[in-house]
PDBML (XML) file of the C-alpha atoms, coordinates in Angstrom:
<?xml version="1.0" encoding="UTF-8" ?>
<PDBx:datablock datablockName="MODEL"
   xmlns:PDBx="http://pdbml.pdb.org/schema/pdbx-v50.xsd"
   xmlns:xsi="http://www.w3.org/2001/XMLSchema-instance"
   xsi:schemaLocation="http://pdbml.pdb.org/schema/pdbx-v50.xsd pdbx-v50.xsd">
   <PDBx:atom_siteCategory>
      <PDBx:atom_site id="1">
         <PDBx:B_iso_or_equiv>0.00</PDBx:B_iso_or_equiv>
         <PDBx:Cartn_x>9.154</PDBx:Cartn_x>
         <PDBx:Cartn_y>4.672</PDBx:Cartn_y>
         <PDBx:Cartn_z>-6.739</PDBx:Cartn_z>
         <PDBx:auth_asym_id>A</PDBx:auth_asym_id>
         <PDBx:auth_atom_id>CA</PDBx:auth_atom_id>
         <PDBx:auth_comp_id>PHE</PDBx:auth_comp_id>
         <PDBx:auth_seq_id>1</PDBx:auth_seq_id>
         <PDBx:group_PDB>ATOM</PDBx:group_PDB>
         <PDBx:label_alt_id xsi:nil="true" />
         <PDBx:label_asym_id>A</PDBx:label_asym_id>
         <PDBx:label_atom_id>CA</PDBx:label_atom_id>
         <PDBx:label_comp_id>PHE</PDBx:label_comp_id>
         <PDBx:label_entity_id>1</PDBx:label_entity_id>
         <PDBx:label_seq_id>1</PDBx:label_seq_id>
         <PDBx:occupancy>1.00</PDBx:occupancy>
         <PDBx:pdbx_PDB_model_num>1</PDBx:pdbx_PDB_model_num>
         <PDBx:type_symbol>C</PDBx:type_symbol>
      </PDBx:atom_site>
      <PDBx:atom_site id="2">
         <PDBx:B_iso_or_equiv>0.00</PDBx:B_iso_or_equiv>
         <PDBx:Cartn_x>6.825</PDBx:Cartn_x>
         <PDBx:Cartn_y>7.310</PDBx:Cartn_y>
         <PDBx:Cartn_z>-8.176</PDBx:Cartn_z>
         <PDBx:auth_asym_id>A</PDBx:auth_asym_id>
         <PDBx:auth_atom_id>CA</PDBx:auth_atom_id>
         <PDBx:auth_comp_id>GLU</PDBx:auth_comp_id>
         <PDBx:auth_seq_id>2</PDBx:auth_seq_id>
         <PDBx:group_PDB>ATOM</PDBx:group_PDB>
         <PDBx:label_alt_id xsi:nil="true" />
         <PDBx:label_asym_id>A</PDBx:label_asym_id>
         <PDBx:label_atom_id>CA</PDBx:label_atom_id>
         <PDBx:label_comp_id>GLU</PDBx:label_comp_id>
         <PDBx:label_entity_id>1</PDBx:label_entity_id>
         <PDBx:label_seq_id>2</PDBx:label_seq_id>
         <PDBx:occupancy>1.00</PDBx:occupancy>
         <PDBx:pdbx_PDB_model_num>1</PDBx:pdbx_PDB_model_num>
         <PDBx:type_symbol>C</PDBx:type_symbol>
      </PDBx:atom_site>
      <PDBx:atom_site id="3">
         <PDBx:B_iso_or_equiv>0.00</PDBx:B_iso_or_equiv>
         <PDBx:Cartn_x>7.488</PDBx:Cartn_x>
         <PDBx:Cartn_y>6.190</PDBx:Cartn_y>
         <PDBx:Cartn_z>-11.749</PDBx:Cartn_z>
         <PDBx:auth_asym_id>A</PDBx:auth_asym_id>
         <PDBx:auth_atom_id>CA</PDBx:auth_atom_id>
         <PDBx:auth_comp_id>THR</PDBx:auth_comp_id>
         <PDBx:auth_seq_id>3</PDBx:auth_seq_id>
         <PDBx:group_PDB>ATOM</PDBx:group_PDB>
         <PDBx:label_alt_id xsi:nil="true" />
         <PDBx:label_asym_id>A</PDBx:label_asym_id>
         <PDBx:label_atom_id>CA</PDBx:label_atom_id>
         <PDBx:label_comp_id>THR</PDBx:label_comp_id>
         <PDBx:label_entity_id>1</PDBx:label_entity_id>
         <PDBx:label_seq_id>3</PDBx:label_seq_id>
         <PDBx:occupancy>1.00</PDBx:occupancy>
         <PDBx:pdbx_PDB_model_num>1</PDBx:pdbx_PDB_model_num>
         <PDBx:type_symbol>C</PDBx:type_symbol>
      </PDBx:atom_site>
      <PDBx:atom_site id="4">
         <PDBx:B_iso_or_equiv>0.00</PDBx:B_iso_or_equiv>
         <PDBx:Cartn_x>7.199</PDBx:Cartn_x>
         <PDBx:Cartn_y>2.497</PDBx:Cartn_y>
         <PDBx:Cartn_z>-10.882</PDBx:Cartn_z>
         <PDBx:auth_asym_id>A</PDBx:auth_asym_id>
         <PDBx:auth_atom_id>CA</PDBx:auth_atom_id>
         <PDBx:auth_comp_id>ALA</PDBx:auth_comp_id>
         <PDBx:auth_seq_id>4</PDBx:auth_seq_id>
         <PDBx:group_PDB>ATOM</PDBx:group_PDB>
         <PDBx:label_alt_id xsi:nil="true" />
         <PDBx:label_asym_id>A</PDBx:label_asym_id>
         <PDBx:label_atom_id>CA</PDBx:label_atom_id>
         <PDBx:label_comp_id>ALA</PDBx:label_comp_id>
         <PDBx:label_entity_id>1</PDBx:label_entity_id>
         <PDBx:label_seq_id>4</PDBx:label_seq_id>
         <PDBx:occupancy>1.00</PDBx:occupancy>
         <PDBx:pdbx_PDB_model_num>1</PDBx:pdbx_PDB_model_num>
         <PDBx:type_symbol>C</PDBx:type_symbol>
      </PDBx:atom_site>
      <PDBx:atom_site id="5">
         <PDBx:B_iso_or_equiv>0.00</PDBx:B_iso_or_equiv>
         <PDBx:Cartn_x>3.875</PDBx:Cartn_x>
         <PDBx:Cartn_y>3.120</PDBx:Cartn_y>
         <PDBx:Cartn_z>-9.137</PDBx:Cartn_z>
         <PDBx:auth_asym_id>A</PDBx:auth_asym_id>
         <PDBx:auth_atom_id>CA</PDBx:auth_atom_id>
         <PDBx:auth_comp_id>ALA</PDBx:auth_comp_id>
         <PDBx:auth_seq_id>5</PDBx:auth_seq_id>
         <PDBx:group_PDB>ATOM</PDBx:group_PDB>
         <PDBx:label_alt_id xsi:nil="true" />
         <PDBx:label_asym_id>A</PDBx:label_asym_id>
         <PDBx:label_atom_id>CA</PDBx:label_atom_id>
         <PDBx:label_comp_id>ALA</PDBx:label_comp_id>
         <PDBx:label_entity_id>1</PDBx:label_entity_id>
         <PDBx:label_seq_id>5</PDBx:label_seq_id>
         <PDBx:occupancy>1.00</PDBx:occupancy>
         <PDBx:pdbx_PDB_model_num>1</PDBx:pdbx_PDB_model_num>
         <PDBx:type_symbol>C</PDBx:type_symbol>
      </PDBx:atom_site>
      <PDBx:atom_site id="6">
         <PDBx:B_iso_or_equiv>0.00</PDBx:B_iso_or_equiv>
         <PDBx:Cartn_x>2.324</PDBx:Cartn_x>
         <PDBx:Cartn_y>4.522</PDBx:Cartn_y>
         <PDBx:Cartn_z>-12.342</PDBx:Cartn_z>
         <PDBx:auth_asym_id>A</PDBx:auth_asym_id>
         <PDBx:auth_atom_id>CA</PDBx:auth_atom_id>
         <PDBx:auth_comp_id>THR</PDBx:auth_comp_id>
         <PDBx:auth_seq_id>6</PDBx:auth_seq_id>
         <PDBx:group_PDB>ATOM</PDBx:group_PDB>
         <PDBx:label_alt_id xsi:nil="true" />
         <PDBx:label_asym_id>A</PDBx:label_asym_id>
         <PDBx:label_atom_id>CA</PDBx:label_atom_id>
         <PDBx:label_comp_id>THR</PDBx:label_comp_id>
         <PDBx:label_entity_id>1</PDBx:label_entity_id>
         <PDBx:label_seq_id>6</PDBx:label_seq_id>
         <PDBx:occupancy>1.00</PDBx:occupancy>
         <PDBx:pdbx_PDB_model_num>1</PDBx:pdbx_PDB_model_num>
         <PDBx:type_symbol>C</PDBx:type_symbol>
      </PDBx:atom_site>
      <PDBx:atom_site id="7">
         <PDBx:B_iso_or_equiv>0.00</PDBx:B_iso_or_equiv>
         <PDBx:Cartn_x>2.725</PDBx:Cartn_x>
         <PDBx:Cartn_y>1.211</PDBx:Cartn_y>
         <PDBx:Cartn_z>-14.153</PDBx:Cartn_z>
         <PDBx:auth_asym_id>A</PDBx:auth_asym_id>
         <PDBx:auth_atom_id>CA</PDBx:auth_atom_id>
         <PDBx:auth_comp_id>LEU</PDBx:auth_comp_id>
         <PDBx:auth_seq_id>7</PDBx:auth_seq_id>
         <PDBx:group_PDB>ATOM</PDBx:group_PDB>
         <PDBx:label_alt_id xsi:nil="true" />
         <PDBx:label_asym_id>A</PDBx:label_asym_id>
         <PDBx:label_atom_id>CA</PDBx:label_atom_id>
         <PDBx:label_comp_id>LEU</PDBx:label_comp_id>
         <PDBx:label_entity_id>1</PDBx:label_entity_id>
         <PDBx:label_seq_id>7</PDBx:label_seq_id>
         <PDBx:occupancy>1.00</PDBx:occupancy>
         <PDBx:pdbx_PDB_model_num>1</PDBx:pdbx_PDB_model_num>
         <PDBx:type_symbol>C</PDBx:type_symbol>
      </PDBx:atom_site>
      <PDBx:atom_site id="8">
         <PDBx:B_iso_or_equiv>0.00</PDBx:B_iso_or_equiv>
         <PDBx:Cartn_x>0.792</PDBx:Cartn_x>
         <PDBx:Cartn_y>-1.705</PDBx:Cartn_y>
         <PDBx:Cartn_z>-12.596</PDBx:Cartn_z>
         <PDBx:auth_asym_id>A</PDBx:auth_asym_id>
         <PDBx:auth_atom_id>CA</PDBx:auth_atom_id>
         <PDBx:auth_comp_id>PRO</PDBx:auth_comp_id>
         <PDBx:auth_seq_id>8</PDBx:auth_seq_id>
         <PDBx:group_PDB>ATOM</PDBx:group_PDB>
         <PDBx:label_alt_id xsi:nil="true" />
         <PDBx:label_asym_id>A</PDBx:label_asym_id>
         <PDBx:label_atom_id>CA</PDBx:label_atom_id>
         <PDBx:label_comp_id>PRO</PDBx:label_comp_id>
         <PDBx:label_entity_id>1</PDBx:label_entity_id>
         <PDBx:label_seq_id>8</PDBx:label_seq_id>
         <PDBx:occupancy>1.00</PDBx:occupancy>
         <PDBx:pdbx_PDB_model_num>1</PDBx:pdbx_PDB_model_num>
         <PDBx:type_symbol>C</PDBx:type_symbol>
      </PDBx:atom_site>
      <PDBx:atom_site id="9">
         <PDBx:B_iso_or_equiv>0.00</PDBx:B_iso_or_equiv>
         <PDBx:Cartn_x>-2.880</PDBx:Cartn_x>
         <PDBx:Cartn_y>-1.086</PDBx:Cartn_y>
         <PDBx:Cartn_z>-13.399</PDBx:Cartn_z>
         <PDBx:auth_asym_id>A</PDBx:auth_asym_id>
         <PDBx:auth_atom_id>CA</PDBx:auth_atom_id>
         <PDBx:auth_comp_id>VAL</PDBx:auth_comp_id>
         <PDBx:auth_seq_id>9</PDBx:auth_seq_id>
         <PDBx:group_PDB>ATOM</PDBx:group_PDB>
         <PDBx:label_alt_id xsi:nil="true" />
         <PDBx:label_asym_id>A</PDBx:label_asym_id>
         <PDBx:label_atom_id>CA</PDBx:label_atom_id>
         <PDBx:label_comp_id>VAL</PDBx:label_comp_id>
         <PDBx:label_entity_id>1</PDBx:label_entity_id>
         <PDBx:label_seq_id>9</PDBx:label_seq_id>
         <PDBx:occupancy>1.00</PDBx:occupancy>
         <PDBx:pdbx_PDB_model_num>1</PDBx:pdbx_PDB_model_num>
         <PDBx:type_symbol>C</PDBx:type_symbol>
      </PDBx:atom_site>
      <PDBx:atom_site id="10">
         <PDBx:B_iso_or_equiv>0.00</PDBx:B_iso_or_equiv>
         <PDBx:Cartn_x>-2.728</PDBx:Cartn_x>
         <PDBx:Cartn_y>1.377</PDBx:Cartn_y>
         <PDBx:Cartn_z>-16.297</PDBx:Cartn_z>
         <PDBx:auth_asym_id>A</PDBx:auth_asym_id>
         <PDBx:auth_atom_id>CA</PDBx:auth_atom_id>
         <PDBx:auth_comp_id>SER</PDBx:auth_comp_id>
         <PDBx:auth_seq_id>10</PDBx:auth_seq_id>
         <PDBx:group_PDB>ATOM</PDBx:group_PDB>
         <PDBx:label_alt_id xsi:nil="true" />
         <PDBx:label_asym_id>A</PDBx:label_asym_id>
         <PDBx:label_atom_id>CA</PDBx:label_atom_id>
         <PDBx:label_comp_id>SER</PDBx:label_comp_id>
         <PDBx:label_entity_id>1</PDBx:label_entity_id>
         <PDBx:label_seq_id>10</PDBx:label_seq_id>
         <PDBx:occupancy>1.00</PDBx:occupancy>
         <PDBx:pdbx_PDB_model_num>1</PDBx:pdbx_PDB_model_num>
         <PDBx:type_symbol>C</PDBx:type_symbol>
      </PDBx:atom_site>
      <PDBx:atom_site id="11">
         <PDBx:B_iso_or_equiv>0.00</PDBx:B_iso_or_equiv>
         <PDBx:Cartn_x>0.142</PDBx:Cartn_x>
         <PDBx:Cartn_y>0.003</PDBx:Cartn_y>
         <PDBx:Cartn_z>-18.319</PDBx:Cartn_z>
         <PDBx:auth_asym_id>A</PDBx:auth_asym_id>
         <PDBx:auth_atom_id>CA</PDBx:auth_atom_id>
         <PDBx:auth_comp_id>TYR</PDBx:auth_comp_id>
         <PDBx:auth_seq_id>11</PDBx:auth_seq_id>
         <PDBx:group_PDB>ATOM</PDBx:group_PDB>
         <PDBx:label_alt_id xsi:nil="true" />
         <PDBx:label_asym_id>A</PDBx:label_asym_id>
         <PDBx:label_atom_id>CA</PDBx:label_atom_id>
         <PDBx:label_comp_id>TYR</PDBx:label_comp_id>
         <PDBx:label_entity_id>1</PDBx:label_entity_id>
         <PDBx:label_seq_id>11</PDBx:label_seq_id>
         <PDBx:occupancy>1.00</PDBx:occupancy>
         <PDBx:pdbx_PDB_model_num>1</PDBx:pdbx_PDB_model_num>
         <PDBx:type_symbol>C</PDBx:type_symbol>
      </PDBx:atom_site>
      <PDBx:atom_site id="12">
         <PDBx:B_iso_or_equiv>0.00</PDBx:B_iso_or_equiv>
         <PDBx:Cartn_x>-0.634</PDBx:Cartn_x>
         <PDBx:Cartn_y>-3.679</PDBx:Cartn_y>
         <PDBx:Cartn_z>-17.797</PDBx:Cartn_z>
         <PDBx:auth_asym_id>A</PDBx:auth_asym_id>
         <PDBx:auth_atom_id>CA</PDBx:auth_atom_id>
         <PDBx:auth_comp_id>SER</PDBx:auth_comp_id>
         <PDBx:auth_seq_id>12</PDBx:auth_seq_id>
         <PDBx:group_PDB>ATOM</PDBx:group_PDB>
         <PDBx:label_alt_id xsi:nil="true" />
         <PDBx:label_asym_id>A</PDBx:label_asym_id>
         <PDBx:label_atom_id>CA</PDBx:label_atom_id>
         <PDBx:label_comp_id>SER</PDBx:label_comp_id>
         <PDBx:label_entity_id>1</PDBx:label_entity_id>
         <PDBx:label_seq_id>12</PDBx:label_seq_id>
         <PDBx:occupancy>1.00</PDBx:occupancy>
         <PDBx:pdbx_PDB_model_num>1</PDBx:pdbx_PDB_model_num>
         <PDBx:type_symbol>C</PDBx:type_symbol>
      </PDBx:atom_site>
      <PDBx:atom_site id="13">
         <PDBx:B_iso_or_equiv>0.00</PDBx:B_iso_or_equiv>
         <PDBx:Cartn_x>-4.278</PDBx:Cartn_x>
         <PDBx:Cartn_y>-3.089</PDBx:Cartn_y>
         <PDBx:Cartn_z>-18.742</PDBx:Cartn_z>
         <PDBx:auth_asym_id>A</PDBx:auth_asym_id>
         <PDBx:auth_atom_id>CA</PDBx:auth_atom_id>
         <PDBx:auth_comp_id>THR</PDBx:auth_comp_id>
         <PDBx:auth_seq_id>13</PDBx:auth_seq_id>
         <PDBx:group_PDB>ATOM</PDBx:group_PDB>
         <PDBx:label_alt_id xsi:nil="true" />
         <PDBx:label_asym_id>A</PDBx:label_asym_id>
         <PDBx:label_atom_id>CA</PDBx:label_atom_id>
         <PDBx:label_comp_id>THR</PDBx:label_comp_id>
         <PDBx:label_entity_id>1</PDBx:label_entity_id>
         <PDBx:label_seq_id>13</PDBx:label_seq_id>
         <PDBx:occupancy>1.00</PDBx:occupancy>
         <PDBx:pdbx_PDB_model_num>1</PDBx:pdbx_PDB_model_num>
         <PDBx:type_symbol>C</PDBx:type_symbol>
      </PDBx:atom_site>
      <PDBx:atom_site id="14">
         <PDBx:B_iso_or_equiv>0.00</PDBx:B_iso_or_equiv>
         <PDBx:Cartn_x>-3.330</PDBx:Cartn_x>
         <PDBx:Cartn_y>-1.142</PDBx:Cartn_y>
         <PDBx:Cartn_z>-21.876</PDBx:Cartn_z>
         <PDBx:auth_asym_id>A</PDBx:auth_asym_id>
         <PDBx:auth_atom_id>CA</PDBx:auth_atom_id>
         <PDBx:auth_comp_id>ALA</PDBx:auth_comp_id>
         <PDBx:auth_seq_id>14</PDBx:auth_seq_id>
         <PDBx:group_PDB>ATOM</PDBx:group_PDB>
         <PDBx:label_alt_id xsi:nil="true" />
         <PDBx:label_asym_id>A</PDBx:label_asym_id>
         <PDBx:label_atom_id>CA</PDBx:label_atom_id>
         <PDBx:label_comp_id>ALA</PDBx:label_comp_id>
         <PDBx:label_entity_id>1</PDBx:label_entity_id>
         <PDBx:label_seq_id>14</PDBx:label_seq_id>
         <PDBx:occupancy>1.00</PDBx:occupancy>
         <PDBx:pdbx_PDB_model_num>1</PDBx:pdbx_PDB_model_num>
         <PDBx:type_symbol>C</PDBx:type_symbol>
      </PDBx:atom_site>
      <PDBx:atom_site id="15">
         <PDBx:B_iso_or_equiv>0.00</PDBx:B_iso_or_equiv>
         <PDBx:Cartn_x>-0.679</PDBx:Cartn_x>
         <PDBx:Cartn_y>-3.733</PDBx:Cartn_y>
         <PDBx:Cartn_z>-22.776</PDBx:Cartn_z>
         <PDBx:auth_asym_id>A</PDBx:auth_asym_id>
         <PDBx:auth_atom_id>CA</PDBx:auth_atom_id>
         <PDBx:auth_comp_id>TRP</PDBx:auth_comp_id>
         <PDBx:auth_seq_id>15</PDBx:auth_seq_id>
         <PDBx:group_PDB>ATOM</PDBx:group_PDB>
         <PDBx:label_alt_id xsi:nil="true" />
         <PDBx:label_asym_id>A</PDBx:label_asym_id>
         <PDBx:label_atom_id>CA</PDBx:label_atom_id>
         <PDBx:label_comp_id>TRP</PDBx:label_comp_id>
         <PDBx:label_entity_id>1</PDBx:label_entity_id>
         <PDBx:label_seq_id>15</PDBx:label_seq_id>
         <PDBx:occupancy>1.00</PDBx:occupancy>
         <PDBx:pdbx_PDB_model_num>1</PDBx:pdbx_PDB_model_num>
         <PDBx:type_symbol>C</PDBx:type_symbol>
      </PDBx:atom_site>
      <PDBx:atom_site id="16">
         <PDBx:B_iso_or_equiv>0.00</PDBx:B_iso_or_equiv>
         <PDBx:Cartn_x>-3.129</PDBx:Cartn_x>
         <PDBx:Cartn_y>-6.624</PDBx:Cartn_y>
         <PDBx:Cartn_z>-22.661</PDBx:Cartn_z>
         <PDBx:auth_asym_id>A</PDBx:auth_asym_id>
         <PDBx:auth_atom_id>CA</PDBx:auth_atom_id>
         <PDBx:auth_comp_id>ARG</PDBx:auth_comp_id>
         <PDBx:auth_seq_id>16</PDBx:auth_seq_id>
         <PDBx:group_PDB>ATOM</PDBx:group_PDB>
         <PDBx:label_alt_id xsi:nil="true" />
         <PDBx:label_asym_id>A</PDBx:label_asym_id>
         <PDBx:label_atom_id>CA</PDBx:label_atom_id>
         <PDBx:label_comp_id>ARG</PDBx:label_comp_id>
         <PDBx:label_entity_id>1</PDBx:label_entity_id>
         <PDBx:label_seq_id>16</PDBx:label_seq_id>
         <PDBx:occupancy>1.00</PDBx:occupancy>
         <PDBx:pdbx_PDB_model_num>1</PDBx:pdbx_PDB_model_num>
         <PDBx:type_symbol>C</PDBx:type_symbol>
      </PDBx:atom_site>
      <PDBx:atom_site id="17">
         <PDBx:B_iso_or_equiv>0.00</PDBx:B_iso_or_equiv>
         <PDBx:Cartn_x>-5.836</PDBx:Cartn_x>
         <PDBx:Cartn_y>-4.597</PDBx:Cartn_y>
         <PDBx:Cartn_z>-24.396</PDBx:Cartn_z>
         <PDBx:auth_asym_id>A</PDBx:auth_asym_id>
         <PDBx:auth_atom_id>CA</PDBx:auth_atom_id>
         <PDBx:auth_comp_id>ALA</PDBx:auth_comp_id>
         <PDBx:auth_seq_id>17</PDBx:auth_seq_id>
         <PDBx:group_PDB>ATOM</PDBx:group_PDB>
         <PDBx:label_alt_id xsi:nil="true" />
         <PDBx:label_asym_id>A</PDBx:label_asym_id>
         <PDBx:label_atom_id>CA</PDBx:label_atom_id>
         <PDBx:label_comp_id>ALA</PDBx:label_comp_id>
         <PDBx:label_entity_id>1</PDBx:label_entity_id>
         <PDBx:label_seq_id>17</PDBx:label_seq_id>
         <PDBx:occupancy>1.00</PDBx:occupancy>
         <PDBx:pdbx_PDB_model_num>1</PDBx:pdbx_PDB_model_num>
         <PDBx:type_symbol>C</PDBx:type_symbol>
      </PDBx:atom_site>
      <PDBx:atom_site id="18">
         <PDBx:B_iso_or_equiv>0.00</PDBx:B_iso_or_equiv>
         <PDBx:Cartn_x>-3.686</PDBx:Cartn_x>
         <PDBx:Cartn_y>-3.670</PDBx:Cartn_y>
         <PDBx:Cartn_z>-27.389</PDBx:Cartn_z>
         <PDBx:auth_asym_id>A</PDBx:auth_asym_id>
         <PDBx:auth_atom_id>CA</PDBx:auth_atom_id>
         <PDBx:auth_comp_id>LEU</PDBx:auth_comp_id>
         <PDBx:auth_seq_id>18</PDBx:auth_seq_id>
         <PDBx:group_PDB>ATOM</PDBx:group_PDB>
         <PDBx:label_alt_id xsi:nil="true" />
         <PDBx:label_asym_id>A</PDBx:label_asym_id>
         <PDBx:label_atom_id>CA</PDBx:label_atom_id>
         <PDBx:label_comp_id>LEU</PDBx:label_comp_id>
         <PDBx:label_entity_id>1</PDBx:label_entity_id>
         <PDBx:label_seq_id>18</PDBx:label_seq_id>
         <PDBx:occupancy>1.00</PDBx:occupancy>
         <PDBx:pdbx_PDB_model_num>1</PDBx:pdbx_PDB_model_num>
         <PDBx:type_symbol>C</PDBx:type_symbol>
      </PDBx:atom_site>
      <PDBx:atom_site id="19">
         <PDBx:B_iso_or_equiv>0.00</PDBx:B_iso_or_equiv>
         <PDBx:Cartn_x>-0.989</PDBx:Cartn_x>
         <PDBx:Cartn_y>-6.336</PDBx:Cartn_y>
         <PDBx:Cartn_z>-27.665</PDBx:Cartn_z>
         <PDBx:auth_asym_id>A</PDBx:auth_asym_id>
         <PDBx:auth_atom_id>CA</PDBx:auth_atom_id>
         <PDBx:auth_comp_id>ILE</PDBx:auth_comp_id>
         <PDBx:auth_seq_id>19</PDBx:auth_seq_id>
         <PDBx:group_PDB>ATOM</PDBx:group_PDB>
         <PDBx:label_alt_id xsi:nil="true" />
         <PDBx:label_asym_id>A</PDBx:label_asym_id>
         <PDBx:label_atom_id>CA</PDBx:label_atom_id>
         <PDBx:label_comp_id>ILE</PDBx:label_comp_id>
         <PDBx:label_entity_id>1</PDBx:label_entity_id>
         <PDBx:label_seq_id>19</PDBx:label_seq_id>
         <PDBx:occupancy>1.00</PDBx:occupancy>
         <PDBx:pdbx_PDB_model_num>1</PDBx:pdbx_PDB_model_num>
         <PDBx:type_symbol>C</PDBx:type_symbol>
      </PDBx:atom_site>
      <PDBx:atom_site id="20">
         <PDBx:B_iso_or_equiv>0.00</PDBx:B_iso_or_equiv>
         <PDBx:Cartn_x>-2.860</PDBx:Cartn_x>
         <PDBx:Cartn_y>-9.494</PDBx:Cartn_y>
         <PDBx:Cartn_z>-26.642</PDBx:Cartn_z>
         <PDBx:auth_asym_id>A</PDBx:auth_asym_id>
         <PDBx:auth_atom_id>CA</PDBx:auth_atom_id>
         <PDBx:auth_comp_id>SER</PDBx:auth_comp_id>
         <PDBx:auth_seq_id>20</PDBx:auth_seq_id>
         <PDBx:group_PDB>ATOM</PDBx:group_PDB>
         <PDBx:label_alt_id xsi:nil="true" />
         <PDBx:label_asym_id>A</PDBx:label_asym_id>
         <PDBx:label_atom_id>CA</PDBx:label_atom_id>
         <PDBx:label_comp_id>SER</PDBx:label_comp_id>
         <PDBx:label_entity_id>1</PDBx:label_entity_id>
         <PDBx:label_seq_id>20</PDBx:label_seq_id>
         <PDBx:occupancy>1.00</PDBx:occupancy>
         <PDBx:pdbx_PDB_model_num>1</PDBx:pdbx_PDB_model_num>
         <PDBx:type_symbol>C</PDBx:type_symbol>
      </PDBx:atom_site>
      <PDBx:atom_site id="21">
         <PDBx:B_iso_or_equiv>0.00</PDBx:B_iso_or_equiv>
         <PDBx:Cartn_x>-6.566</PDBx:Cartn_x>
         <PDBx:Cartn_y>-8.822</PDBx:Cartn_y>
         <PDBx:Cartn_z>-27.104</PDBx:Cartn_z>
         <PDBx:auth_asym_id>A</PDBx:auth_asym_id>
         <PDBx:auth_atom_id>CA</PDBx:auth_atom_id>
         <PDBx:auth_comp_id>ARG</PDBx:auth_comp_id>
         <PDBx:auth_seq_id>21</PDBx:auth_seq_id>
         <PDBx:group_PDB>ATOM</PDBx:group_PDB>
         <PDBx:label_alt_id xsi:nil="true" />
         <PDBx:label_asym_id>A</PDBx:label_asym_id>
         <PDBx:label_atom_id>CA</PDBx:label_atom_id>
         <PDBx:label_comp_id>ARG</PDBx:label_comp_id>
         <PDBx:label_entity_id>1</PDBx:label_entity_id>
         <PDBx:label_seq_id>21</PDBx:label_seq_id>
         <PDBx:occupancy>1.00</PDBx:occupancy>
         <PDBx:pdbx_PDB_model_num>1</PDBx:pdbx_PDB_model_num>
         <PDBx:type_symbol>C</PDBx:type_symbol>
      </PDBx:atom_site>
      <PDBx:atom_site id="22">
         <PDBx:B_iso_or_equiv>0.00</PDBx:B_iso_or_equiv>
         <PDBx:Cartn_x>-6.800</PDBx:Cartn_x>
         <PDBx:Cartn_y>-6.342</PDBx:Cartn_y>
         <PDBx:Cartn_z>-30.001</PDBx:Cartn_z>
         <PDBx:auth_asym_id>A</PDBx:auth_asym_id>
         <PDBx:auth_atom_id>CA</PDBx:auth_atom_id>
         <PDBx:auth_comp_id>ALA</PDBx:auth_comp_id>
         <PDBx:auth_seq_id>22</PDBx:auth_seq_id>
         <PDBx:group_PDB>ATOM</PDBx:group_PDB>
         <PDBx:label_alt_id xsi:nil="true" />
         <PDBx:label_asym_id>A</PDBx:label_asym_id>
         <PDBx:label_atom_id>CA</PDBx:label_atom_id>
         <PDBx:label_comp_id>ALA</PDBx:label_comp_id>
         <PDBx:label_entity_id>1</PDBx:label_entity_id>
         <PDBx:label_seq_id>22</PDBx:label_seq_id>
         <PDBx:occupancy>1.00</PDBx:occupancy>
         <PDBx:pdbx_PDB_model_num>1</PDBx:pdbx_PDB_model_num>
         <PDBx:type_symbol>C</PDBx:type_symbol>
      </PDBx:atom_site>
      <PDBx:atom_site id="23">
         <PDBx:B_iso_or_equiv>0.00</PDBx:B_iso_or_equiv>
         <PDBx:Cartn_x>-3.652</PDBx:Cartn_x>
         <PDBx:Cartn_y>-7.725</PDBx:Cartn_y>
         <PDBx:Cartn_z>-31.700</PDBx:Cartn_z>
         <PDBx:auth_asym_id>A</PDBx:auth_asym_id>
         <PDBx:auth_atom_id>CA</PDBx:auth_atom_id>
         <PDBx:auth_comp_id>ARG</PDBx:auth_comp_id>
         <PDBx:auth_seq_id>23</PDBx:auth_seq_id>
         <PDBx:group_PDB>ATOM</PDBx:group_PDB>
         <PDBx:label_alt_id xsi:nil="true" />
         <PDBx:label_asym_id>A</PDBx:label_asym_id>
         <PDBx:label_atom_id>CA</PDBx:label_atom_id>
         <PDBx:label_comp_id>ARG</PDBx:label_comp_id>
         <PDBx:label_entity_id>1</PDBx:label_entity_id>
         <PDBx:label_seq_id>23</PDBx:label_seq_id>
         <PDBx:occupancy>1.00</PDBx:occupancy>
         <PDBx:pdbx_PDB_model_num>1</PDBx:pdbx_PDB_model_num>
         <PDBx:type_symbol>C</PDBx:type_symbol>
      </PDBx:atom_site>
      <PDBx:atom_site id="24">
         <PDBx:B_iso_or_equiv>0.00</PDBx:B_iso_or_equiv>
         <PDBx:Cartn_x>-2.347</PDBx:Cartn_x>
         <PDBx:Cartn_y>-4.342</PDBx:Cartn_y>
         <PDBx:Cartn_z>-32.829</PDBx:Cartn_z>
         <PDBx:auth_asym_id>A</PDBx:auth_asym_id>
         <PDBx:auth_atom_id>CA</PDBx:auth_atom_id>
         <PDBx:auth_comp_id>VAL</PDBx:auth_comp_id>
         <PDBx:auth_seq_id>24</PDBx:auth_seq_id>
         <PDBx:group_PDB>ATOM</PDBx:group_PDB>
         <PDBx:label_alt_id xsi:nil="true" />
         <PDBx:label_asym_id>A</PDBx:label_asym_id>
         <PDBx:label_atom_id>CA</PDBx:label_atom_id>
         <PDBx:label_comp_id>VAL</PDBx:label_comp_id>
         <PDBx:label_entity_id>1</PDBx:label_entity_id>
         <PDBx:label_seq_id>24</PDBx:label_seq_id>
         <PDBx:occupancy>1.00</PDBx:occupancy>
         <PDBx:pdbx_PDB_model_num>1</PDBx:pdbx_PDB_model_num>
         <PDBx:type_symbol>C</PDBx:type_symbol>
      </PDBx:atom_site>
   </PDBx:atom_siteCategory>
</PDBx:datablock>
């Protein structure tokens, strides 16, 4: 649960920022 709880805001935000928006 602790690991899963680290993911929602931080990792989804970074994913969209780099993969979708900045097109790394």
